[in-house]
PDB file of N, CA and C in Angstrom:
ATOM      1  N   THR A   1      34.837 -25.960  20.669  1.00  0.00           N
ATOM      2  CA  THR A   1      35.028 -26.055  22.138  1.00  0.00           C
ATOM      3  C   THR A   1      33.604 -26.549  22.667  1.00  0.00           C
ATOM      4  N   ILE A   2      33.289 -26.714  23.786  1.00  0.00           N
ATOM      5  CA  ILE A   2      32.245 -26.883  24.400  1.00  0.00           C
ATOM      6  C   ILE A   2      31.012 -26.368  24.178  1.00  0.00           C
ATOM      7  N   TYR A   3      31.058 -24.966  23.955  1.00  0.00           N
ATOM      8  CA  TYR A   3      29.865 -24.200  23.305  1.00  0.00           C
ATOM      9  C   TYR A   3      29.514 -24.261  22.244  1.00  0.00           C
ATOM     10  N   ARG A   4      30.412 -24.883  20.837  1.00  0.00           N
ATOM     11  CA  ARG A   4      30.469 -24.931  19.658  1.00  0.00           C
ATOM     12  C   ARG A   4      29.626 -26.586  19.992  1.00  0.00           C
ATOM     13  N   LEU A   5      29.899 -27.530  20.897  1.00  0.00           N
ATOM     14  CA  LEU A   5      29.261 -28.821  20.984  1.00  0.00           C
ATOM     15  C   LEU A   5      27.833 -28.327  21.142  1.00  0.00           C
ATOM     16  N   ALA A   6      27.743 -27.382  22.341  1.00  0.00           N
ATOM     17  CA  ALA A   6      26.132 -27.018  22.823  1.00  0.00           C
ATOM     18  C   ALA A   6      25.407 -27.028  21.949  1.00  0.00           C
ATOM     19  N   GLY A   7      25.876 -25.944  20.954  1.00  0.00           N
ATOM     20  CA  GLY A   7      25.087 -25.023  20.356  1.00  0.00           C
ATOM     21  C   GLY A   7      24.793 -25.960  18.941  1.00  0.00           C
ATOM     22  N   ALA A   8      25.873 -26.916  18.662  1.00  0.00           N
ATOM     23  CA  ALA A   8      25.178 -28.269  17.826  1.00  0.00           C
ATOM     24  C   ALA A   8      24.236 -29.302  18.313  1.00  0.00           C
ATOM     25  N   LYS A   9      24.379 -29.317  19.526  1.00  0.00           N
ATOM     26  CA  LYS A   9      23.147 -30.024  20.392  1.00  0.00           C
ATOM     27  C   LYS A   9      23.613 -31.560  20.212  1.00  0.00           C
ATOM     28  N   GLN A  10      25.209 -31.708  20.812  1.00  0.00           N
ATOM     29  CA  GLN A  10      25.813 -32.583  20.682  1.00  0.00           C
ATOM     30  C   GLN A  10      26.488 -32.738  21.806  1.00  0.00           C
ATOM     31  N   ILE A  11      25.871 -32.118  22.677  1.00  0.00           N
ATOM     32  CA  ILE A  11      26.280 -32.490  23.989  1.00  0.00           C
ATOM     33  C   ILE A  11      25.061 -31.797  25.083  1.00  0.00           C
ATOM     34  N   PRO A  12      24.687 -32.234  26.109  1.00  0.00           N
ATOM     35  CA  PRO A  12      23.176 -31.500  26.544  1.00  0.00           C
ATOM     36  C   PRO A  12      23.729 -30.543  27.367  1.00  0.00           C
ATOM     37  N   ALA A  13      22.995 -29.360  27.277  1.00  0.00           N
ATOM     38  CA  ALA A  13      22.803 -28.248  27.593  1.00  0.00           C
ATOM     39  C   ALA A  13      21.675 -27.374  27.412  1.00  0.00           C
ATOM     40  N   PHE A  14      21.601 -25.768  27.916  1.00  0.00           N
ATOM     41  CA  PHE A  14      20.596 -25.471  28.057  1.00  0.00           C
ATOM     42  C   PHE A  14      21.084 -24.011  28.268  1.00  0.00           C
ATOM     43  N   LYS A  15      20.065 -22.931  27.717  1.00  0.00           N
ATOM     44  CA  LYS A  15      20.545 -21.598  27.829  1.00  0.00           C
ATOM     45  C   LYS A  15      19.633 -20.828  28.646  1.00  0.00           C
ATOM     46  N   VAL A  16      20.313 -19.838  29.296  1.00  0.00           N
ATOM     47  CA  VAL A  16      19.242 -19.276  30.194  1.00  0.00           C
ATOM     48  C   VAL A  16      19.718 -17.985  30.142  1.00  0.00           C
ATOM     49  N   GLY A  17      18.792 -17.130  29.470  1.00  0.00           N
ATOM     50  CA  GLY A  17      19.357 -15.688  28.725  1.00  0.00           C
ATOM     51  C   GLY A  17      20.313 -15.828  27.860  1.00  0.00           C
ATOM     52  N   GLY A  18      21.471 -15.549  27.879  1.00  0.00           N
ATOM     53  CA  GLY A  18      22.214 -15.777  26.756  1.00  0.00           C
ATOM     54  C   GLY A  18      23.346 -16.623  27.096  1.00  0.00           C
ATOM     55  N   SER A  19      23.491 -17.447  28.445  1.00  0.00           N
ATOM     56  CA  SER A  19      24.946 -18.159  29.016  1.00  0.00           C
ATOM     57  C   SER A  19      23.962 -19.283  28.683  1.00  0.00           C
ATOM     58  N   TRP A  20      25.050 -20.029  28.228  1.00  0.00           N
ATOM     59  CA  TRP A  20      24.972 -21.855  28.567  1.00  0.00           C
ATOM     60  C   TRP A  20      24.964 -22.232  29.774  1.00  0.00           C
ATOM     61  N   ARG A  21      24.255 -23.211  30.059  1.00  0.00           N
ATOM     62  CA  ARG A  21      24.184 -23.943  31.274  1.00  0.00           C
ATOM     63  C   ARG A  21      24.517 -25.364  30.976  1.00  0.00           C
ATOM     64  N   PHE A  22      25.295 -26.146  32.230  1.00  0.00           N
ATOM     65  CA  PHE A  22      25.124 -27.706  31.629  1.00  0.00           C
ATOM     66  C   PHE A  22      25.294 -28.384  33.166  1.00  0.00           C
ATOM     67  N   SER A  23      24.318 -29.124  33.058  1.00  0.00           N
ATOM     68  CA  SER A  23      23.927 -29.624  34.301  1.00  0.00           C
ATOM     69  C   SER A  23      25.010 -31.198  34.441  1.00  0.00           C
ATOM     70  N   LYS A  24      25.448 -30.993  35.483  1.00  0.00           N
ATOM     71  CA  LYS A  24      26.611 -31.961  35.976  1.00  0.00           C
ATOM     72  C   LYS A  24      26.600 -33.567  35.878  1.00  0.00           C
ATOM     73  N   ALA A  25      25.268 -33.717  36.173  1.00  0.00           N
ATOM     74  CA  ALA A  25      24.377 -35.444  36.144  1.00  0.00           C
ATOM     75  C   ALA A  25      24.380 -35.537  34.318  1.00  0.00           C
ATOM     76  N   ASP A  26      23.729 -34.511  33.909  1.00  0.00           N
ATOM     77  CA  ASP A  26      23.563 -34.626  32.389  1.00  0.00           C
ATOM     78  C   ASP A  26      25.291 -34.757  31.692  1.00  0.00           C
ATOM     79  N   ILE A  27      25.990 -34.292  32.058  1.00  0.00           N
ATOM     80  CA  ILE A  27      27.935 -34.345  31.527  1.00  0.00           C
ATOM     81  C   ILE A  27      28.341 -35.497  32.113  1.00  0.00           C
ATOM     82  N   ASP A  28      28.245 -35.674  33.234  1.00  0.00           N
ATOM     83  CA  ASP A  28      28.415 -36.820  33.274  1.00  0.00           C
ATOM     84  C   ASP A  28      27.900 -38.446  32.938  1.00  0.00           C
ATOM     85  N   ARG A  29      26.788 -38.005  32.424  1.00  0.00           N
ATOM     86  CA  ARG A  29      25.906 -39.429  31.902  1.00  0.00           C
ATOM     87  C   ARG A  29      26.372 -39.641  30.602  1.00  0.00           C
ATOM     88  N   TRP A  30      26.381 -38.207  29.979  1.00  0.00           N
ATOM     89  CA  TRP A  30      26.883 -37.874  28.368  1.00  0.00           C
ATOM     90  C   TRP A  30      28.666 -38.232  28.133  1.00  0.00           C
ATOM     91  N   ILE A  31      29.209 -38.426  29.244  1.00  0.00           N
ATOM     92  CA  ILE A  31      30.852 -38.631  29.106  1.00  0.00           C
ATOM     93  C   ILE A  31      30.922 -39.987  28.991  1.00  0.00           C
ATOM     94  N   ARG A  32      30.026 -41.123  29.778  1.00  0.00           N
ATOM     95  CA  ARG A  32      29.956 -42.401  30.160  1.00  0.00           C
ATOM     96  C   ARG A  32      29.352 -42.873  28.906  1.00  0.00           C
ATOM     97  N   GLU A  33      28.486 -42.260  28.351  1.00  0.00           N
ATOM     98  CA  GLU A  33      28.132 -42.847  27.074  1.00  0.00           C
ATOM     99  C   GLU A  33      28.863 -42.842  25.674  1.00  0.00           C
ATOM    100  N   GLN A  34      29.292 -41.579  25.677  1.00  0.00           N
ATOM    101  CA  GLN A  34      30.794 -41.467  24.870  1.00  0.00           C
ATOM    102  C   GLN A  34      31.740 -42.802  25.276  1.00  0.00           C
ATOM    103  N   SER A  35      32.087 -42.685  26.250  1.00  0.00           N
ATOM    104  CA  SER A  35      33.197 -43.440  26.597  1.00  0.00           C
ATOM    105  C   SER A  35      32.757 -44.842  26.259  1.00  0.00           C
ATOM    106  N   THR A  36      32.185 -45.349  26.420  1.00  0.00           N
ATOM    107  CA  THR A  36      31.248 -46.809  26.186  1.00  0.00           C
ATOM    108  C   THR A  36      30.861 -46.979  24.444  1.00  0.00           C
ATOM    109  N   ALA A  37      30.877 -45.560  24.045  1.00  0.00           N
ATOM    110  CA  ALA A  37      30.394 -45.720  22.188  1.00  0.00           C
ATOM    111  C   ALA A  37      31.949 -45.829  21.788  1.00  0.00           C
ATOM    112  N   SER A  38      33.211 -45.267  22.167  1.00  0.00           N
ATOM    113  CA  SER A  38      34.610 -44.793  21.551  1.00  0.00           C
ATOM    114  C   SER A  38      35.107 -46.699  22.026  1.00  0.00           C
ATOM    115  N   ALA A  39      34.837 -47.302  23.239  1.00  0.00           N
ATOM    116  CA  ALA A  39      35.089 -48.448  23.678  1.00  0.00           C
ATOM    117  C   ALA A  39      34.606 -49.563  22.494  1.00  0.00           C
ATOM    118  N   ASP A  40      33.525 -49.568  22.102  1.00  0.00           N
ATOM    119  CA  ASP A  40      32.684 -50.197  21.011  1.00  0.00           C
ATOM    120  C   ASP A  40      33.028 -49.986  19.599  1.00  0.00           C
ATOM    121  N   GLY A  41      33.990 -49.068  19.709  1.00  0.00           N
ATOM    122  CA  GLY A  41      34.743 -48.876  18.101  1.00  0.00           C
ATOM    123  C   GLY A  41      33.804 -48.181  17.475  1.00  0.00           C
ATOM    124  N   ARG A  42      33.018 -47.186  17.860  1.00  0.00           N
ATOM    125  CA  ARG A  42      31.990 -46.375  17.515  1.00  0.00           C
ATOM    126  C   ARG A  42      32.470 -44.941  17.610  1.00  0.00           C
ATOM    127  N   LYS A  43      32.428 -43.775  16.643  1.00  0.00           N
ATOM    128  CA  LYS A  43      32.433 -42.612  17.184  1.00  0.00           C
ATOM    129  C   LYS A  43      31.853 -41.915  17.827  1.00  0.00           C
ATOM    130  N   GLY A  44      32.640 -41.481  18.836  1.00  0.00           N
ATOM    131  CA  GLY A  44      32.065 -40.444  19.543  1.00  0.00           C
ATOM    132  C   GLY A  44      33.336 -39.558  20.156  1.00  0.00           C
ATOM    133  N   HIS A  45      32.108 -38.446  20.656  1.00  0.00           N
ATOM    134  CA  HIS A  45      33.408 -37.081  21.109  1.00  0.00           C
ATOM    135  C   HIS A  45      33.558 -37.616  22.718  1.00  0.00           C
ATOM    136  N   PRO A  46      35.298 -37.257  22.954  1.00  0.00           N
ATOM    137  CA  PRO A  46      35.767 -37.415  23.957  1.00  0.00           C
ATOM    138  C   PRO A  46      34.580 -36.855  25.602  1.00  0.00           C
TER     139      PRO A  46
END
């Protein structure tokens, strides 16, 4: 799940209190980077 990825520091996120928060700009950038990595044949999360 997205929370497991956040907890494993595989996706950009931070905690406020006990809740995970995600910056839209950081997630958009992460998705682009993962798409590029997958297109290049490298392993990446979707």
